[in-house]
Amino acid sequence: EATPWVLGWGYPPEILPGGVGRAEV
């Protein structure tokens, strides 16, 4: 309730294949 969303910032896109992240991860 105090932190309803988990928000994050600044991941390097090159760590993901083709820069694409998948929801299930």
mmCIF file of all heavy atoms, coordinates in Angstrom:
data_MODEL
# 
_entry.id   MODEL 
# 
loop_
_atom_site.group_PDB 
_atom_site.id 
_atom_site.type_symbol 
_atom_site.label_atom_id 
_atom_site.label_alt_id 
_atom_site.label_comp_id 
_atom_site.label_asym_id 
_atom_site.label_entity_id 
_atom_site.label_seq_id 
_atom_site.pdbx_PDB_ins_code 
_atom_site.Cartn_x 
_atom_site.Cartn_y 
_atom_site.Cartn_z 
_atom_site.occupancy 
_atom_site.B_iso_or_equiv 
_atom_site.pdbx_formal_charge 
_atom_site.auth_seq_id 
_atom_site.auth_comp_id 
_atom_site.auth_asym_id 
_atom_site.auth_atom_id 
_atom_site.pdbx_PDB_model_num 
ATOM 1   N N   . GLU A 1 1  ? 0.832  -1.209  0.000   1.00 0.00 ? 1  GLU A N   1 
ATOM 2   C CA  . GLU A 1 1  ? 0.000  0.000   0.000   1.00 0.00 ? 1  GLU A CA  1 
ATOM 3   C C   . GLU A 1 1  ? 0.864  1.256   0.000   1.00 0.00 ? 1  GLU A C   1 
ATOM 4   O O   . GLU A 1 1  ? 0.558  2.227   -0.679  1.00 0.00 ? 1  GLU A O   1 
ATOM 5   C CB  . GLU A 1 1  ? -0.932 -0.010  1.211   1.00 0.00 ? 1  GLU A CB  1 
ATOM 6   C CG  . GLU A 1 1  ? -2.018 -1.066  1.131   1.00 0.00 ? 1  GLU A CG  1 
ATOM 7   C CD  . GLU A 1 1  ? -3.035 -0.909  2.242   1.00 0.00 ? 1  GLU A CD  1 
ATOM 8   O OE1 . GLU A 1 1  ? -2.970 0.109   2.976   1.00 0.00 ? 1  GLU A OE1 1 
ATOM 9   O OE2 . GLU A 1 1  ? -3.905 -1.798  2.373   1.00 0.00 ? 1  GLU A OE2 1 
ATOM 10  N N   . ALA A 1 2  ? 1.961  1.222   0.759   1.00 0.00 ? 2  ALA A N   1 
ATOM 11  C CA  . ALA A 1 2  ? 2.865  2.378   0.804   1.00 0.00 ? 2  ALA A CA  1 
ATOM 12  C C   . ALA A 1 2  ? 3.688  2.492   -0.480  1.00 0.00 ? 2  ALA A C   1 
ATOM 13  O O   . ALA A 1 2  ? 3.985  3.593   -0.946  1.00 0.00 ? 2  ALA A O   1 
ATOM 14  C CB  . ALA A 1 2  ? 3.790  2.276   2.016   1.00 0.00 ? 2  ALA A CB  1 
ATOM 15  N N   . THR A 1 3  ? 4.075  1.347   -1.035  1.00 0.00 ? 3  THR A N   1 
ATOM 16  C CA  . THR A 1 3  ? 4.857  1.321   -2.278  1.00 0.00 ? 3  THR A CA  1 
ATOM 17  C C   . THR A 1 3  ? 4.154  0.382   -3.241  1.00 0.00 ? 3  THR A C   1 
ATOM 18  O O   . THR A 1 3  ? 4.533  -0.781  -3.411  1.00 0.00 ? 3  THR A O   1 
ATOM 19  C CB  . THR A 1 3  ? 6.299  0.834   -2.016  1.00 0.00 ? 3  THR A CB  1 
ATOM 20  O OG1 . THR A 1 3  ? 6.862  1.579   -0.934  1.00 0.00 ? 3  THR A OG1 1 
ATOM 21  C CG2 . THR A 1 3  ? 7.176  1.009   -3.250  1.00 0.00 ? 3  THR A CG2 1 
ATOM 22  N N   . PRO A 1 4  ? 3.070  0.874   -3.875  1.00 0.00 ? 4  PRO A N   1 
ATOM 23  C CA  . PRO A 1 4  ? 2.259  -0.025  -4.692  1.00 0.00 ? 4  PRO A CA  1 
ATOM 24  C C   . PRO A 1 4  ? 2.965  -0.525  -5.943  1.00 0.00 ? 4  PRO A C   1 
ATOM 25  O O   . PRO A 1 4  ? 2.677  -1.624  -6.412  1.00 0.00 ? 4  PRO A O   1 
ATOM 26  C CB  . PRO A 1 4  ? 1.036  0.822   -5.053  1.00 0.00 ? 4  PRO A CB  1 
ATOM 27  C CG  . PRO A 1 4  ? 1.489  2.239   -4.908  1.00 0.00 ? 4  PRO A CG  1 
ATOM 28  C CD  . PRO A 1 4  ? 2.491  2.230   -3.802  1.00 0.00 ? 4  PRO A CD  1 
ATOM 29  N N   . TRP A 1 5  ? 3.876  0.262   -6.481  1.00 0.00 ? 5  TRP A N   1 
ATOM 30  C CA  . TRP A 1 5  ? 4.627  -0.128  -7.672  1.00 0.00 ? 5  TRP A CA  1 
ATOM 31  C C   . TRP A 1 5  ? 6.105  -0.266  -7.328  1.00 0.00 ? 5  TRP A C   1 
ATOM 32  O O   . TRP A 1 5  ? 6.652  0.526   -6.554  1.00 0.00 ? 5  TRP A O   1 
ATOM 33  C CB  . TRP A 1 5  ? 4.492  0.923   -8.780  1.00 0.00 ? 5  TRP A CB  1 
ATOM 34  C CG  . TRP A 1 5  ? 3.237  0.771   -9.588  1.00 0.00 ? 5  TRP A CG  1 
ATOM 35  C CD1 . TRP A 1 5  ? 1.953  1.009   -9.162  1.00 0.00 ? 5  TRP A CD1 1 
ATOM 36  C CD2 . TRP A 1 5  ? 3.145  0.370   -10.955 1.00 0.00 ? 5  TRP A CD2 1 
ATOM 37  N NE1 . TRP A 1 5  ? 1.073  0.766   -10.174 1.00 0.00 ? 5  TRP A NE1 1 
ATOM 38  C CE2 . TRP A 1 5  ? 1.770  0.379   -11.302 1.00 0.00 ? 5  TRP A CE2 1 
ATOM 39  C CE3 . TRP A 1 5  ? 4.078  0.004   -11.918 1.00 0.00 ? 5  TRP A CE3 1 
ATOM 40  C CZ2 . TRP A 1 5  ? 1.322  0.036   -12.576 1.00 0.00 ? 5  TRP A CZ2 1 
ATOM 41  C CZ3 . TRP A 1 5  ? 3.630  -0.331  -13.191 1.00 0.00 ? 5  TRP A CZ3 1 
ATOM 42  C CH2 . TRP A 1 5  ? 2.265  -0.322  -13.511 1.00 0.00 ? 5  TRP A CH2 1 
ATOM 43  N N   . VAL A 1 6  ? 6.745  -1.240  -7.930  1.00 0.00 ? 6  VAL A N   1 
ATOM 44  C CA  . VAL A 1 6  ? 8.190  -1.385  -7.829  1.00 0.00 ? 6  VAL A CA  1 
ATOM 45  C C   . VAL A 1 6  ? 8.777  -0.698  -9.062  1.00 0.00 ? 6  VAL A C   1 
ATOM 46  O O   . VAL A 1 6  ? 8.662  -1.198  -10.189 1.00 0.00 ? 6  VAL A O   1 
ATOM 47  C CB  . VAL A 1 6  ? 8.610  -2.868  -7.786  1.00 0.00 ? 6  VAL A CB  1 
ATOM 48  C CG1 . VAL A 1 6  ? 10.129 -2.982  -7.731  1.00 0.00 ? 6  VAL A CG1 1 
ATOM 49  C CG2 . VAL A 1 6  ? 7.969  -3.559  -6.580  1.00 0.00 ? 6  VAL A CG2 1 
ATOM 50  N N   . LEU A 1 7  ? 9.373  0.447   -8.848  1.00 0.00 ? 7  LEU A N   1 
ATOM 51  C CA  . LEU A 1 7  ? 9.935  1.239   -9.942  1.00 0.00 ? 7  LEU A CA  1 
ATOM 52  C C   . LEU A 1 7  ? 11.451 1.220   -9.847  1.00 0.00 ? 7  LEU A C   1 
ATOM 53  O O   . LEU A 1 7  ? 12.021 1.405   -8.763  1.00 0.00 ? 7  LEU A O   1 
ATOM 54  C CB  . LEU A 1 7  ? 9.428  2.682   -9.863  1.00 0.00 ? 7  LEU A CB  1 
ATOM 55  C CG  . LEU A 1 7  ? 7.908  2.867   -9.901  1.00 0.00 ? 7  LEU A CG  1 
ATOM 56  C CD1 . LEU A 1 7  ? 7.550  4.344   -9.762  1.00 0.00 ? 7  LEU A CD1 1 
ATOM 57  C CD2 . LEU A 1 7  ? 7.321  2.290   -11.180 1.00 0.00 ? 7  LEU A CD2 1 
ATOM 58  N N   . GLY A 1 8  ? 12.098 0.982   -10.958 1.00 0.00 ? 8  GLY A N   1 
ATOM 59  C CA  . GLY A 1 8  ? 13.554 0.944   -10.986 1.00 0.00 ? 8  GLY A CA  1 
ATOM 60  C C   . GLY A 1 8  ? 14.076 1.721   -12.172 1.00 0.00 ? 8  GLY A C   1 
ATOM 61  O O   . GLY A 1 8  ? 13.394 1.885   -13.190 1.00 0.00 ? 8  GLY A O   1 
ATOM 62  N N   . TRP A 1 9  ? 15.312 2.180   -12.029 1.00 0.00 ? 9  TRP A N   1 
ATOM 63  C CA  . TRP A 1 9  ? 15.857 3.086   -13.044 1.00 0.00 ? 9  TRP A CA  1 
ATOM 64  C C   . TRP A 1 9  ? 17.324 2.783   -13.325 1.00 0.00 ? 9  TRP A C   1 
ATOM 65  O O   . TRP A 1 9  ? 18.105 2.565   -12.406 1.00 0.00 ? 9  TRP A O   1 
ATOM 66  C CB  . TRP A 1 9  ? 15.754 4.533   -12.563 1.00 0.00 ? 9  TRP A CB  1 
ATOM 67  C CG  . TRP A 1 9  ? 14.379 4.942   -12.174 1.00 0.00 ? 9  TRP A CG  1 
ATOM 68  C CD1 . TRP A 1 9  ? 13.774 4.771   -10.955 1.00 0.00 ? 9  TRP A CD1 1 
ATOM 69  C CD2 . TRP A 1 9  ? 13.407 5.578   -13.009 1.00 0.00 ? 9  TRP A CD2 1 
ATOM 70  N NE1 . TRP A 1 9  ? 12.504 5.269   -10.975 1.00 0.00 ? 9  TRP A NE1 1 
ATOM 71  C CE2 . TRP A 1 9  ? 12.238 5.785   -12.226 1.00 0.00 ? 9  TRP A CE2 1 
ATOM 72  C CE3 . TRP A 1 9  ? 13.407 6.025   -14.328 1.00 0.00 ? 9  TRP A CE3 1 
ATOM 73  C CZ2 . TRP A 1 9  ? 11.096 6.391   -12.724 1.00 0.00 ? 9  TRP A CZ2 1 
ATOM 74  C CZ3 . TRP A 1 9  ? 12.260 6.638   -14.825 1.00 0.00 ? 9  TRP A CZ3 1 
ATOM 75  C CH2 . TRP A 1 9  ? 11.126 6.815   -14.029 1.00 0.00 ? 9  TRP A CH2 1 
ATOM 76  N N   . GLY A 1 10 ? 17.658 2.784   -14.626 1.00 0.00 ? 10 GLY A N   1 
ATOM 77  C CA  . GLY A 1 10 ? 19.063 2.837   -15.006 1.00 0.00 ? 10 GLY A CA  1 
ATOM 78  C C   . GLY A 1 10 ? 19.717 1.532   -15.379 1.00 0.00 ? 10 GLY A C   1 
ATOM 79  O O   . GLY A 1 10 ? 20.951 1.482   -15.469 1.00 0.00 ? 10 GLY A O   1 
ATOM 80  N N   . TYR A 1 11 ? 18.949 0.452   -15.631 1.00 0.00 ? 11 TYR A N   1 
ATOM 81  C CA  . TYR A 1 11 ? 19.633 -0.781  -16.019 1.00 0.00 ? 11 TYR A CA  1 
ATOM 82  C C   . TYR A 1 11 ? 20.281 -0.600  -17.392 1.00 0.00 ? 11 TYR A C   1 
ATOM 83  O O   . TYR A 1 11 ? 19.707 0.033   -18.287 1.00 0.00 ? 11 TYR A O   1 
ATOM 84  C CB  . TYR A 1 11 ? 18.677 -1.970  -16.011 1.00 0.00 ? 11 TYR A CB  1 
ATOM 85  C CG  . TYR A 1 11 ? 17.679 -2.003  -17.148 1.00 0.00 ? 11 TYR A CG  1 
ATOM 86  C CD1 . TYR A 1 11 ? 18.018 -2.558  -18.381 1.00 0.00 ? 11 TYR A CD1 1 
ATOM 87  C CD2 . TYR A 1 11 ? 16.396 -1.495  -16.985 1.00 0.00 ? 11 TYR A CD2 1 
ATOM 88  C CE1 . TYR A 1 11 ? 17.110 -2.597  -19.431 1.00 0.00 ? 11 TYR A CE1 1 
ATOM 89  C CE2 . TYR A 1 11 ? 15.488 -1.525  -18.032 1.00 0.00 ? 11 TYR A CE2 1 
ATOM 90  C CZ  . TYR A 1 11 ? 15.849 -2.070  -19.250 1.00 0.00 ? 11 TYR A CZ  1 
ATOM 91  O OH  . TYR A 1 11 ? 14.944 -2.089  -20.297 1.00 0.00 ? 11 TYR A OH  1 
ATOM 92  N N   . PRO A 1 12 ? 21.480 -1.133  -17.607 1.00 0.00 ? 12 PRO A N   1 
ATOM 93  C CA  . PRO A 1 12 ? 22.129 -1.014  -18.917 1.00 0.00 ? 12 PRO A CA  1 
ATOM 94  C C   . PRO A 1 12 ? 21.411 -1.890  -19.938 1.00 0.00 ? 12 PRO A C   1 
ATOM 95  O O   . PRO A 1 12 ? 21.293 -3.116  -19.737 1.00 0.00 ? 12 PRO A O   1 
ATOM 96  C CB  . PRO A 1 12 ? 23.549 -1.515  -18.660 1.00 0.00 ? 12 PRO A CB  1 
ATOM 97  C CG  . PRO A 1 12 ? 23.732 -1.485  -17.169 1.00 0.00 ? 12 PRO A CG  1 
ATOM 98  C CD  . PRO A 1 12 ? 22.369 -1.752  -16.602 1.00 0.00 ? 12 PRO A CD  1 
ATOM 99  N N   . PRO A 1 13 ? 20.925 -1.350  -21.029 1.00 0.00 ? 13 PRO A N   1 
ATOM 100 C CA  . PRO A 1 13 ? 20.147 -2.174  -21.970 1.00 0.00 ? 13 PRO A CA  1 
ATOM 101 C C   . PRO A 1 13 ? 20.953 -3.280  -22.620 1.00 0.00 ? 13 PRO A C   1 
ATOM 102 O O   . PRO A 1 13 ? 20.390 -4.289  -23.054 1.00 0.00 ? 13 PRO A O   1 
ATOM 103 C CB  . PRO A 1 13 ? 19.656 -1.154  -23.010 1.00 0.00 ? 13 PRO A CB  1 
ATOM 104 C CG  . PRO A 1 13 ? 20.571 0.017   -22.888 1.00 0.00 ? 13 PRO A CG  1 
ATOM 105 C CD  . PRO A 1 13 ? 20.990 0.062   -21.463 1.00 0.00 ? 13 PRO A CD  1 
ATOM 106 N N   . GLU A 1 14 ? 22.275 -3.121  -22.644 1.00 0.00 ? 14 GLU A N   1 
ATOM 107 C CA  . GLU A 1 14 ? 23.098 -4.140  -23.305 1.00 0.00 ? 14 GLU A CA  1 
ATOM 108 C C   . GLU A 1 14 ? 23.163 -5.448  -22.527 1.00 0.00 ? 14 GLU A C   1 
ATOM 109 O O   . GLU A 1 14 ? 23.645 -6.464  -23.061 1.00 0.00 ? 14 GLU A O   1 
ATOM 110 C CB  . GLU A 1 14 ? 24.512 -3.619  -23.560 1.00 0.00 ? 14 GLU A CB  1 
ATOM 111 C CG  . GLU A 1 14 ? 25.360 -3.347  -22.327 1.00 0.00 ? 14 GLU A CG  1 
ATOM 112 C CD  . GLU A 1 14 ? 25.205 -1.940  -21.778 1.00 0.00 ? 14 GLU A CD  1 
ATOM 113 O OE1 . GLU A 1 14 ? 24.188 -1.279  -22.112 1.00 0.00 ? 14 GLU A OE1 1 
ATOM 114 O OE2 . GLU A 1 14 ? 26.081 -1.503  -21.008 1.00 0.00 ? 14 GLU A OE2 1 
ATOM 115 N N   . ILE A 1 15 ? 22.673 -5.476  -21.283 1.00 0.00 ? 15 ILE A N   1 
ATOM 116 C CA  . ILE A 1 15 ? 22.712 -6.726  -20.531 1.00 0.00 ? 15 ILE A CA  1 
ATOM 117 C C   . ILE A 1 15 ? 21.593 -7.671  -20.959 1.00 0.00 ? 15 ILE A C   1 
ATOM 118 O O   . ILE A 1 15 ? 21.584 -8.844  -20.579 1.00 0.00 ? 15 ILE A O   1 
ATOM 119 C CB  . ILE A 1 15 ? 22.632 -6.486  -19.009 1.00 0.00 ? 15 ILE A CB  1 
ATOM 120 C CG1 . ILE A 1 15 ? 21.283 -5.903  -18.605 1.00 0.00 ? 15 ILE A CG1 1 
ATOM 121 C CG2 . ILE A 1 15 ? 23.792 -5.602  -18.539 1.00 0.00 ? 15 ILE A CG2 1 
ATOM 122 C CD1 . ILE A 1 15 ? 21.102 -5.711  -17.111 1.00 0.00 ? 15 ILE A CD1 1 
ATOM 123 N N   . LEU A 1 16 ? 20.636 -7.171  -21.751 1.00 0.00 ? 16 LEU A N   1 
ATOM 124 C CA  . LEU A 1 16 ? 19.525 -7.981  -22.221 1.00 0.00 ? 16 LEU A CA  1 
ATOM 125 C C   . LEU A 1 16 ? 19.751 -8.371  -23.681 1.00 0.00 ? 16 LEU A C   1 
ATOM 126 O O   . LEU A 1 16 ? 20.246 -7.561  -24.469 1.00 0.00 ? 16 LEU A O   1 
ATOM 127 C CB  . LEU A 1 16 ? 18.210 -7.198  -22.114 1.00 0.00 ? 16 LEU A CB  1 
ATOM 128 C CG  . LEU A 1 16 ? 17.765 -6.828  -20.695 1.00 0.00 ? 16 LEU A CG  1 
ATOM 129 C CD1 . LEU A 1 16 ? 16.608 -5.846  -20.755 1.00 0.00 ? 16 LEU A CD1 1 
ATOM 130 C CD2 . LEU A 1 16 ? 17.353 -8.081  -19.925 1.00 0.00 ? 16 LEU A CD2 1 
ATOM 131 N N   . PRO A 1 17 ? 19.394 -9.576  -24.068 1.00 0.00 ? 17 PRO A N   1 
ATOM 132 C CA  . PRO A 1 17 ? 19.555 -9.976  -25.473 1.00 0.00 ? 17 PRO A CA  1 
ATOM 133 C C   . PRO A 1 17 ? 18.783 -9.045  -26.404 1.00 0.00 ? 17 PRO A C   1 
ATOM 134 O O   . PRO A 1 17 ? 17.560 -8.918  -26.302 1.00 0.00 ? 17 PRO A O   1 
ATOM 135 C CB  . PRO A 1 17 ? 18.973 -11.395 -25.502 1.00 0.00 ? 17 PRO A CB  1 
ATOM 136 C CG  . PRO A 1 17 ? 19.049 -11.876 -24.090 1.00 0.00 ? 17 PRO A CG  1 
ATOM 137 C CD  . PRO A 1 17 ? 18.840 -10.654 -23.242 1.00 0.00 ? 17 PRO A CD  1 
ATOM 138 N N   . GLY A 1 18 ? 19.517 -8.354  -27.269 1.00 0.00 ? 18 GLY A N   1 
ATOM 139 C CA  . GLY A 1 18 ? 18.872 -7.399  -28.161 1.00 0.00 ? 18 GLY A CA  1 
ATOM 140 C C   . GLY A 1 18 ? 18.256 -6.218  -27.451 1.00 0.00 ? 18 GLY A C   1 
ATOM 141 O O   . GLY A 1 18 ? 17.498 -5.455  -28.050 1.00 0.00 ? 18 GLY A O   1 
ATOM 142 N N   . GLY A 1 19 ? 18.553 -6.047  -26.153 1.00 0.00 ? 19 GLY A N   1 
ATOM 143 C CA  . GLY A 1 19 ? 17.967 -4.960  -25.384 1.00 0.00 ? 19 GLY A CA  1 
ATOM 144 C C   . GLY A 1 19 ? 16.534 -5.219  -24.947 1.00 0.00 ? 19 GLY A C   1 
ATOM 145 O O   . GLY A 1 19 ? 15.862 -4.304  -24.462 1.00 0.00 ? 19 GLY A O   1 
ATOM 146 N N   . VAL A 1 20 ? 16.057 -6.445  -25.083 1.00 0.00 ? 20 VAL A N   1 
ATOM 147 C CA  . VAL A 1 20 ? 14.658 -6.763  -24.811 1.00 0.00 ? 20 VAL A CA  1 
ATOM 148 C C   . VAL A 1 20 ? 14.530 -7.545  -23.509 1.00 0.00 ? 20 VAL A C   1 
ATOM 149 O O   . VAL A 1 20 ? 15.138 -8.603  -23.333 1.00 0.00 ? 20 VAL A O   1 
ATOM 150 C CB  . VAL A 1 20 ? 14.047 -7.577  -25.970 1.00 0.00 ? 20 VAL A CB  1 
ATOM 151 C CG1 . VAL A 1 20 ? 12.628 -8.025  -25.632 1.00 0.00 ? 20 VAL A CG1 1 
ATOM 152 C CG2 . VAL A 1 20 ? 14.048 -6.754  -27.253 1.00 0.00 ? 20 VAL A CG2 1 
ATOM 153 N N   . GLY A 1 21 ? 13.707 -7.023  -22.569 1.00 0.00 ? 21 GLY A N   1 
ATOM 154 C CA  . GLY A 1 21 ? 13.435 -7.702  -21.315 1.00 0.00 ? 21 GLY A CA  1 
ATOM 155 C C   . GLY A 1 21 ? 12.080 -8.375  -21.349 1.00 0.00 ? 21 GLY A C   1 
ATOM 156 O O   . GLY A 1 21 ? 11.128 -7.865  -21.956 1.00 0.00 ? 21 GLY A O   1 
ATOM 157 N N   . ARG A 1 22 ? 11.972 -9.494  -20.659 1.00 0.00 ? 22 ARG A N   1 
ATOM 158 C CA  . ARG A 1 22 ? 10.738 -10.275 -20.666 1.00 0.00 ? 22 ARG A CA  1 
ATOM 159 C C   . ARG A 1 22 ? 10.038 -10.184 -19.311 1.00 0.00 ? 22 ARG A C   1 
ATOM 160 O O   . ARG A 1 22 ? 10.669 -10.219 -18.250 1.00 0.00 ? 22 ARG A O   1 
ATOM 161 C CB  . ARG A 1 22 ? 11.029 -11.724 -21.040 1.00 0.00 ? 22 ARG A CB  1 
ATOM 162 C CG  . ARG A 1 22 ? 11.768 -11.865 -22.378 1.00 0.00 ? 22 ARG A CG  1 
ATOM 163 C CD  . ARG A 1 22 ? 11.799 -13.302 -22.850 1.00 0.00 ? 22 ARG A CD  1 
ATOM 164 N NE  . ARG A 1 22 ? 10.474 -13.772 -23.239 1.00 0.00 ? 22 ARG A NE  1 
ATOM 165 C CZ  . ARG A 1 22 ? 9.940  -13.619 -24.469 1.00 0.00 ? 22 ARG A CZ  1 
ATOM 166 N NH1 . ARG A 1 22 ? 10.631 -12.974 -25.411 1.00 0.00 ? 22 ARG A NH1 1 
ATOM 167 N NH2 . ARG A 1 22 ? 8.740  -14.096 -24.734 1.00 0.00 ? 22 ARG A NH2 1 
ATOM 168 N N   . ALA A 1 23 ? 8.716  -10.088 -19.358 1.00 0.00 ? 23 ALA A N   1 
ATOM 169 C CA  . ALA A 1 23 ? 7.922  -9.868  -18.150 1.00 0.00 ? 23 ALA A CA  1 
ATOM 170 C C   . ALA A 1 23 ? 8.085  -10.987 -17.139 1.00 0.00 ? 23 ALA A C   1 
ATOM 171 O O   . ALA A 1 23 ? 8.172  -10.739 -15.927 1.00 0.00 ? 23 ALA A O   1 
ATOM 172 C CB  . ALA A 1 23 ? 6.447  -9.719  -18.540 1.00 0.00 ? 23 ALA A CB  1 
ATOM 173 N N   . GLU A 1 24 ? 8.141  -12.233 -17.599 1.00 0.00 ? 24 GLU A N   1 
ATOM 174 C CA  . GLU A 1 24 ? 8.164  -13.353 -16.653 1.00 0.00 ? 24 GLU A CA  1 
ATOM 175 C C   . GLU A 1 24 ? 9.447  -13.385 -15.826 1.00 0.00 ? 24 GLU A C   1 
ATOM 176 O O   . GLU A 1 24 ? 9.460  -13.938 -14.719 1.00 0.00 ? 24 GLU A O   1 
ATOM 177 C CB  . GLU A 1 24 ? 7.977  -14.685 -17.390 1.00 0.00 ? 24 GLU A CB  1 
ATOM 178 C CG  . GLU A 1 24 ? 9.061  -15.024 -18.395 1.00 0.00 ? 24 GLU A CG  1 
ATOM 179 C CD  . GLU A 1 24 ? 8.767  -14.528 -19.791 1.00 0.00 ? 24 GLU A CD  1 
ATOM 180 O OE1 . GLU A 1 24 ? 7.898  -13.621 -19.930 1.00 0.00 ? 24 GLU A OE1 1 
ATOM 181 O OE2 . GLU A 1 24 ? 9.393  -15.035 -20.745 1.00 0.00 ? 24 GLU A OE2 1 
ATOM 182 N N   . VAL A 1 25 ? 10.507 -12.792 -16.329 1.00 0.00 ? 25 VAL A N   1 
ATOM 183 C CA  . VAL A 1 25 ? 11.756 -12.741 -15.564 1.00 0.00 ? 25 VAL A CA  1 
ATOM 184 C C   . VAL A 1 25 ? 11.557 -11.876 -14.321 1.00 0.00 ? 25 VAL A C   1 
ATOM 185 O O   . VAL A 1 25 ? 12.029 -12.210 -13.223 1.00 0.00 ? 25 VAL A O   1 
ATOM 186 C CB  . VAL A 1 25 ? 12.906 -12.207 -16.446 1.00 0.00 ? 25 VAL A CB  1 
ATOM 187 C CG1 . VAL A 1 25 ? 14.184 -12.052 -15.625 1.00 0.00 ? 25 VAL A CG1 1 
ATOM 188 C CG2 . VAL A 1 25 ? 13.149 -13.136 -17.632 1.00 0.00 ? 25 VAL A CG2 1 
# 
